[in-house]
Amino acid sequence: MTGRCAPRAATEFYRQHRAAMDEGAVVAWSERHNPDELSAIQNAMNLKLQNEVAFWSEYQNEPLPEEKADEDLLTADEIAAKVSGLRRGEVPIGCTHVGGQGRPPHPCSSTCRPG
């Protein structure tokens, strides 16, 4: 076995250490498990491992806090560096060609080559 344990091996490990692994767990519906699982606790852990966000929101009714994308936002300096200073549709006097780099022209993606 490399990487993640095979499900059968994990279930066998759980079978051998179940008392210690279940200690302190509270189960509301002990019959809630699949035929290849030993308990509702194992089922809950399998669900959590499959999709932790869904587990907490759907099964525990305690959604995880949403991640903030602040680190992906541009700073004012980064935005300013992208602005040419020209009005929309204005082309610098030294330009002889305006193109969209192989794509249909778009005001945000056109380029200027001085002549």
N, C-alpha and C. Protein backbone atom coordinates (compact mmCIF):
# COMPACT_ATOMS: atom_id res chain seq x y z
N MET A 1 0.84 -1.18 0.00
CA MET A 1 0.00 0.00 0.00
C MET A 1 0.88 1.24 0.00
N THR A 2 0.66 2.09 -0.97
CA THR A 2 1.38 3.36 -1.00
C THR A 2 0.37 4.49 -0.94
N GLY A 3 0.81 5.64 -0.45
CA GLY A 3 -0.10 6.79 -0.38
C GLY A 3 -1.19 6.54 0.65
N ARG A 4 -2.42 6.59 0.19
CA ARG A 4 -3.56 6.40 1.09
C ARG A 4 -3.81 4.91 1.29
N CYS A 5 -4.29 4.55 2.46
CA CYS A 5 -4.60 3.15 2.76
C CYS A 5 -5.76 2.66 1.90
N ALA A 6 -5.70 1.41 1.55
CA ALA A 6 -6.82 0.80 0.86
C ALA A 6 -7.99 0.73 1.85
N PRO A 7 -9.22 0.89 1.36
CA PRO A 7 -10.38 0.90 2.28
C PRO A 7 -10.47 -0.35 3.16
N ARG A 8 -10.20 -1.51 2.61
CA ARG A 8 -10.30 -2.74 3.43
C ARG A 8 -9.26 -2.75 4.54
N ALA A 9 -8.05 -2.32 4.21
CA ALA A 9 -6.99 -2.28 5.23
C ALA A 9 -7.34 -1.27 6.32
N ALA A 10 -7.90 -0.14 5.92
CA ALA A 10 -8.30 0.88 6.90
C ALA A 10 -9.41 0.35 7.79
N THR A 11 -10.37 -0.36 7.20
CA THR A 11 -11.46 -0.92 7.99
C THR A 11 -10.94 -1.98 8.95
N GLU A 12 -9.98 -2.78 8.51
CA GLU A 12 -9.40 -3.80 9.39
C GLU A 12 -8.65 -3.14 10.55
N PHE A 13 -7.92 -2.06 10.26
CA PHE A 13 -7.23 -1.32 11.31
C PHE A 13 -8.25 -0.77 12.31
N TYR A 14 -9.33 -0.22 11.78
CA TYR A 14 -10.39 0.32 12.65
C TYR A 14 -10.99 -0.80 13.50
N ARG A 15 -11.22 -1.98 12.90
CA ARG A 15 -11.79 -3.12 13.64
C ARG A 15 -10.88 -3.47 14.84
N GLN A 16 -9.57 -3.47 14.62
CA GLN A 16 -8.62 -3.85 15.67
C GLN A 16 -8.48 -2.78 16.76
N HIS A 17 -8.74 -1.53 16.42
CA HIS A 17 -8.54 -0.42 17.37
C HIS A 17 -9.83 0.37 17.63
N ARG A 18 -10.94 -0.26 17.37
CA ARG A 18 -12.23 0.45 17.41
C ARG A 18 -12.53 1.07 18.77
N ALA A 19 -12.29 0.35 19.84
CA ALA A 19 -12.64 0.88 21.18
C ALA A 19 -11.91 2.20 21.43
N ALA A 20 -10.63 2.22 21.16
CA ALA A 20 -9.86 3.44 21.39
C ALA A 20 -10.27 4.55 20.42
N MET A 21 -10.54 4.19 19.17
CA MET A 21 -10.87 5.19 18.15
C MET A 21 -12.26 5.78 18.35
N ASP A 22 -13.18 4.99 18.90
CA ASP A 22 -14.55 5.46 19.12
C ASP A 22 -14.71 6.21 20.45
N GLU A 23 -13.70 6.13 21.30
CA GLU A 23 -13.82 6.73 22.63
C GLU A 23 -14.18 8.21 22.56
N GLY A 24 -15.23 8.59 23.26
CA GLY A 24 -15.67 9.98 23.32
C GLY A 24 -16.64 10.40 22.23
N ALA A 25 -16.82 9.57 21.22
CA ALA A 25 -17.73 9.91 20.12
C ALA A 25 -19.18 9.69 20.54
N VAL A 26 -20.05 10.56 20.09
CA VAL A 26 -21.48 10.45 20.37
C VAL A 26 -22.19 10.27 19.03
N VAL A 27 -22.98 9.22 18.92
CA VAL A 27 -23.66 8.90 17.67
C VAL A 27 -25.16 9.03 17.87
N ALA A 28 -25.82 9.78 16.99
CA ALA A 28 -27.26 9.96 17.07
C ALA A 28 -28.00 8.83 16.35
N TRP A 29 -27.39 8.25 15.33
CA TRP A 29 -28.07 7.23 14.52
C TRP A 29 -27.07 6.11 14.24
N SER A 30 -27.00 5.15 15.14
CA SER A 30 -25.98 4.11 15.08
C SER A 30 -26.11 3.19 13.85
N GLU A 31 -27.29 3.12 13.27
CA GLU A 31 -27.49 2.28 12.09
C GLU A 31 -27.05 2.96 10.80
N ARG A 32 -26.65 4.21 10.87
CA ARG A 32 -26.30 5.01 9.69
C ARG A 32 -24.89 4.67 9.22
N HIS A 33 -24.75 3.57 8.48
CA HIS A 33 -23.47 3.22 7.86
C HIS A 33 -23.72 2.27 6.71
N ASN A 34 -22.76 2.20 5.83
CA ASN A 34 -22.84 1.34 4.65
C ASN A 34 -22.45 -0.09 5.01
N PRO A 35 -22.83 -1.07 4.19
CA PRO A 35 -22.52 -2.47 4.50
C PRO A 35 -21.02 -2.75 4.67
N ASP A 36 -20.17 -2.00 3.99
CA ASP A 36 -18.73 -2.24 4.08
C ASP A 36 -18.08 -1.47 5.23
N GLU A 37 -18.88 -0.80 6.05
CA GLU A 37 -18.38 -0.04 7.20
C GLU A 37 -18.85 -0.69 8.49
N LEU A 38 -18.08 -0.51 9.55
CA LEU A 38 -18.40 -1.15 10.83
C LEU A 38 -19.34 -0.34 11.70
N SER A 39 -19.36 0.98 11.51
CA SER A 39 -20.16 1.81 12.42
C SER A 39 -20.53 3.14 11.77
N ALA A 40 -21.43 3.84 12.44
CA ALA A 40 -21.80 5.18 12.00
C ALA A 40 -20.63 6.14 12.15
N ILE A 41 -19.76 5.88 13.11
CA ILE A 41 -18.59 6.73 13.28
C ILE A 41 -17.66 6.59 12.08
N GLN A 42 -17.43 5.37 11.63
CA GLN A 42 -16.61 5.16 10.45
C GLN A 42 -17.25 5.82 9.24
N ASN A 43 -18.58 5.69 9.11
CA ASN A 43 -19.28 6.33 8.00
C ASN A 43 -19.10 7.84 8.03
N ALA A 44 -19.22 8.43 9.21
CA ALA A 44 -19.06 9.87 9.33
C ALA A 44 -17.64 10.30 8.95
N MET A 45 -16.65 9.55 9.39
CA MET A 45 -15.27 9.89 9.05
C MET A 45 -15.03 9.73 7.54
N ASN A 46 -15.62 8.70 6.93
CA ASN A 46 -15.48 8.53 5.48
C ASN A 46 -16.12 9.70 4.73
N LEU A 47 -17.29 10.12 5.18
CA LEU A 47 -17.95 11.28 4.56
C LEU A 47 -17.09 12.53 4.72
N LYS A 48 -16.51 12.72 5.88
CA LYS A 48 -15.66 13.89 6.13
C LYS A 48 -14.43 13.86 5.23
N LEU A 49 -13.84 12.70 5.05
CA LEU A 49 -12.66 12.58 4.20
C LEU A 49 -12.99 12.79 2.72
N GLN A 50 -14.21 12.43 2.31
CA GLN A 50 -14.61 12.62 0.91
C GLN A 50 -14.82 14.08 0.57
N ASN A 51 -15.46 14.84 1.47
CA ASN A 51 -15.74 16.25 1.20
C ASN A 51 -15.99 16.95 2.54
N GLU A 52 -14.95 17.55 3.08
CA GLU A 52 -15.05 18.13 4.42
C GLU A 52 -16.03 19.30 4.49
N VAL A 53 -16.08 20.13 3.46
CA VAL A 53 -17.00 21.26 3.45
C VAL A 53 -18.45 20.76 3.51
N ALA A 54 -18.77 19.78 2.67
CA ALA A 54 -20.13 19.21 2.67
C ALA A 54 -20.43 18.51 3.99
N PHE A 55 -19.46 17.80 4.54
CA PHE A 55 -19.67 17.11 5.81
C PHE A 55 -20.10 18.07 6.91
N TRP A 56 -19.35 19.18 7.05
CA TRP A 56 -19.68 20.11 8.13
C TRP A 56 -21.00 20.84 7.88
N SER A 57 -21.29 21.20 6.65
CA SER A 57 -22.53 21.94 6.41
C SER A 57 -23.75 21.03 6.35
N GLU A 58 -23.63 19.88 5.71
CA GLU A 58 -24.80 19.02 5.51
C GLU A 58 -25.05 18.04 6.66
N TYR A 59 -23.99 17.48 7.23
CA TYR A 59 -24.17 16.45 8.25
C TYR A 59 -24.06 16.98 9.67
N GLN A 60 -23.29 18.04 9.87
CA GLN A 60 -23.11 18.60 11.21
C GLN A 60 -23.89 19.90 11.40
N ASN A 61 -24.41 20.47 10.33
CA ASN A 61 -25.13 21.74 10.35
C ASN A 61 -24.28 22.84 10.99
N GLU A 62 -22.98 22.78 10.72
CA GLU A 62 -22.03 23.79 11.20
C GLU A 62 -21.08 24.11 10.04
N PRO A 63 -21.53 24.90 9.07
CA PRO A 63 -20.67 25.19 7.91
C PRO A 63 -19.34 25.80 8.32
N LEU A 64 -18.30 25.42 7.58
CA LEU A 64 -16.99 26.01 7.81
C LEU A 64 -17.01 27.46 7.35
N PRO A 65 -16.21 28.31 7.96
CA PRO A 65 -16.16 29.71 7.51
C PRO A 65 -15.65 29.76 6.07
N GLU A 66 -16.22 30.67 5.29
CA GLU A 66 -15.80 30.82 3.90
C GLU A 66 -14.40 31.41 3.86
N GLU A 67 -13.62 30.94 2.90
CA GLU A 67 -12.27 31.48 2.74
C GLU A 67 -12.36 32.85 2.11
N LYS A 68 -11.52 33.74 2.57
CA LYS A 68 -11.48 35.08 2.01
C LYS A 68 -10.45 35.11 0.90
N ALA A 69 -10.78 35.80 -0.17
CA ALA A 69 -9.89 35.87 -1.33
C ALA A 69 -9.06 37.14 -1.33
N ASP A 70 -8.84 37.73 -0.17
CA ASP A 70 -8.09 38.99 -0.10
C ASP A 70 -6.72 38.89 -0.75
N GLU A 71 -6.06 37.74 -0.62
CA GLU A 71 -4.73 37.62 -1.18
C GLU A 71 -4.75 37.61 -2.71
N ASP A 72 -5.92 37.34 -3.33
CA ASP A 72 -6.03 37.33 -4.77
C ASP A 72 -6.40 38.70 -5.36
N LEU A 73 -6.76 39.66 -4.51
CA LEU A 73 -7.16 40.96 -5.00
C LEU A 73 -5.96 41.79 -5.41
N LEU A 74 -6.14 42.59 -6.44
CA LEU A 74 -5.07 43.48 -6.90
C LEU A 74 -4.95 44.67 -5.96
N THR A 75 -3.73 45.16 -5.82
CA THR A 75 -3.51 46.37 -5.04
C THR A 75 -3.77 47.57 -5.95
N ALA A 76 -3.88 48.76 -5.37
CA ALA A 76 -4.09 49.97 -6.16
C ALA A 76 -2.93 50.19 -7.14
N ASP A 77 -1.71 49.90 -6.71
CA ASP A 77 -0.55 50.06 -7.59
C ASP A 77 -0.59 49.09 -8.77
N GLU A 78 -1.04 47.85 -8.51
CA GLU A 78 -1.13 46.86 -9.59
C GLU A 78 -2.20 47.27 -10.61
N ILE A 79 -3.29 47.82 -10.15
CA ILE A 79 -4.34 48.29 -11.06
C ILE A 79 -3.83 49.48 -11.86
N ALA A 80 -3.18 50.42 -11.20
CA ALA A 80 -2.66 51.61 -11.89
C ALA A 80 -1.66 51.22 -12.97
N ALA A 81 -0.87 50.17 -12.74
CA ALA A 81 0.12 49.73 -13.72
C ALA A 81 -0.53 49.18 -14.98
N LYS A 82 -1.78 48.76 -14.90
CA LYS A 82 -2.49 48.20 -16.05
C LYS A 82 -3.21 49.27 -16.87
N VAL A 83 -3.29 50.49 -16.37
CA VAL A 83 -4.03 51.55 -17.04
C VAL A 83 -3.06 52.33 -17.94
N SER A 84 -3.47 52.55 -19.19
CA SER A 84 -2.59 53.23 -20.15
C SER A 84 -2.65 54.76 -20.02
N GLY A 85 -3.71 55.28 -19.43
CA GLY A 85 -3.87 56.73 -19.35
C GLY A 85 -4.60 57.30 -20.55
N LEU A 86 -4.91 56.48 -21.54
CA LEU A 86 -5.63 56.94 -22.73
C LEU A 86 -7.13 56.77 -22.53
N ARG A 87 -7.91 57.64 -23.18
CA ARG A 87 -9.36 57.49 -23.15
C ARG A 87 -9.73 56.33 -24.05
N ARG A 88 -10.89 55.76 -23.83
CA ARG A 88 -11.37 54.65 -24.65
C ARG A 88 -11.41 55.07 -26.11
N GLY A 89 -10.84 54.26 -26.97
CA GLY A 89 -10.83 54.54 -28.40
C GLY A 89 -9.69 55.43 -28.85
N GLU A 90 -8.95 56.01 -27.93
CA GLU A 90 -7.84 56.89 -28.28
C GLU A 90 -6.59 56.06 -28.58
N VAL A 91 -5.92 56.39 -29.68
CA VAL A 91 -4.71 55.67 -30.09
C VAL A 91 -3.56 56.67 -30.09
N PRO A 92 -2.43 56.34 -29.50
CA PRO A 92 -1.29 57.26 -29.50
C PRO A 92 -0.86 57.62 -30.93
N ILE A 93 -0.41 58.82 -31.12
CA ILE A 93 -0.08 59.33 -32.44
C ILE A 93 1.02 58.51 -33.13
N GLY A 94 1.91 57.92 -32.38
CA GLY A 94 3.01 57.16 -32.97
C GLY A 94 2.63 55.75 -33.40
N CYS A 95 1.41 55.30 -33.17
CA CYS A 95 1.01 53.93 -33.52
C CYS A 95 0.62 53.84 -34.98
N THR A 96 1.10 52.77 -35.61
CA THR A 96 0.71 52.51 -37.00
C THR A 96 -0.18 51.28 -37.12
N HIS A 97 -0.19 50.42 -36.10
CA HIS A 97 -1.00 49.21 -36.12
C HIS A 97 -1.66 49.01 -34.75
N VAL A 98 -2.89 48.57 -34.75
CA VAL A 98 -3.59 48.20 -33.53
C VAL A 98 -4.14 46.81 -33.76
N GLY A 99 -3.83 45.88 -32.86
CA GLY A 99 -4.28 44.50 -33.05
C GLY A 99 -4.66 43.85 -31.74
N GLY A 100 -5.34 42.71 -31.84
CA GLY A 100 -5.80 41.99 -30.66
C GLY A 100 -5.03 40.71 -30.41
N GLN A 101 -3.80 40.63 -30.87
CA GLN A 101 -2.94 39.48 -30.63
C GLN A 101 -3.56 38.19 -31.13
N GLY A 102 -4.10 38.20 -32.36
CA GLY A 102 -4.67 37.00 -32.95
C GLY A 102 -6.10 36.72 -32.57
N ARG A 103 -6.65 37.54 -31.68
CA ARG A 103 -8.04 37.36 -31.27
C ARG A 103 -8.86 38.49 -31.86
N PRO A 104 -10.18 38.36 -31.86
CA PRO A 104 -11.01 39.49 -32.30
C PRO A 104 -10.70 40.72 -31.48
N PRO A 105 -10.73 41.90 -32.10
CA PRO A 105 -10.40 43.13 -31.36
C PRO A 105 -11.28 43.31 -30.13
N HIS A 106 -10.65 43.70 -29.07
CA HIS A 106 -11.36 43.99 -27.82
C HIS A 106 -10.65 45.19 -27.21
N PRO A 107 -11.40 46.17 -26.74
CA PRO A 107 -10.75 47.40 -26.26
C PRO A 107 -9.76 47.16 -25.12
N CYS A 108 -9.92 46.08 -24.38
CA CYS A 108 -9.02 45.83 -23.26
C CYS A 108 -7.77 45.05 -23.66
N SER A 109 -7.79 44.43 -24.85
CA SER A 109 -6.66 43.57 -25.20
C SER A 109 -5.91 44.03 -26.43
N SER A 110 -6.25 45.17 -26.99
CA SER A 110 -5.55 45.60 -28.19
C SER A 110 -4.14 46.08 -27.85
N THR A 111 -3.26 45.95 -28.83
CA THR A 111 -1.88 46.38 -28.63
C THR A 111 -1.54 47.45 -29.65
N CYS A 112 -0.54 48.20 -29.38
CA CYS A 112 -0.10 49.27 -30.27
C CYS A 112 1.37 49.08 -30.59
N ARG A 113 1.72 49.16 -31.87
CA ARG A 113 3.12 49.08 -32.26
C ARG A 113 3.52 50.40 -32.90
N PRO A 114 4.46 51.08 -32.33
CA PRO A 114 4.90 52.34 -32.97
C PRO A 114 5.48 52.05 -34.35
N GLY A 115 5.26 52.99 -35.29
CA GLY A 115 5.66 52.80 -36.68
C GLY A 115 7.07 53.06 -36.99
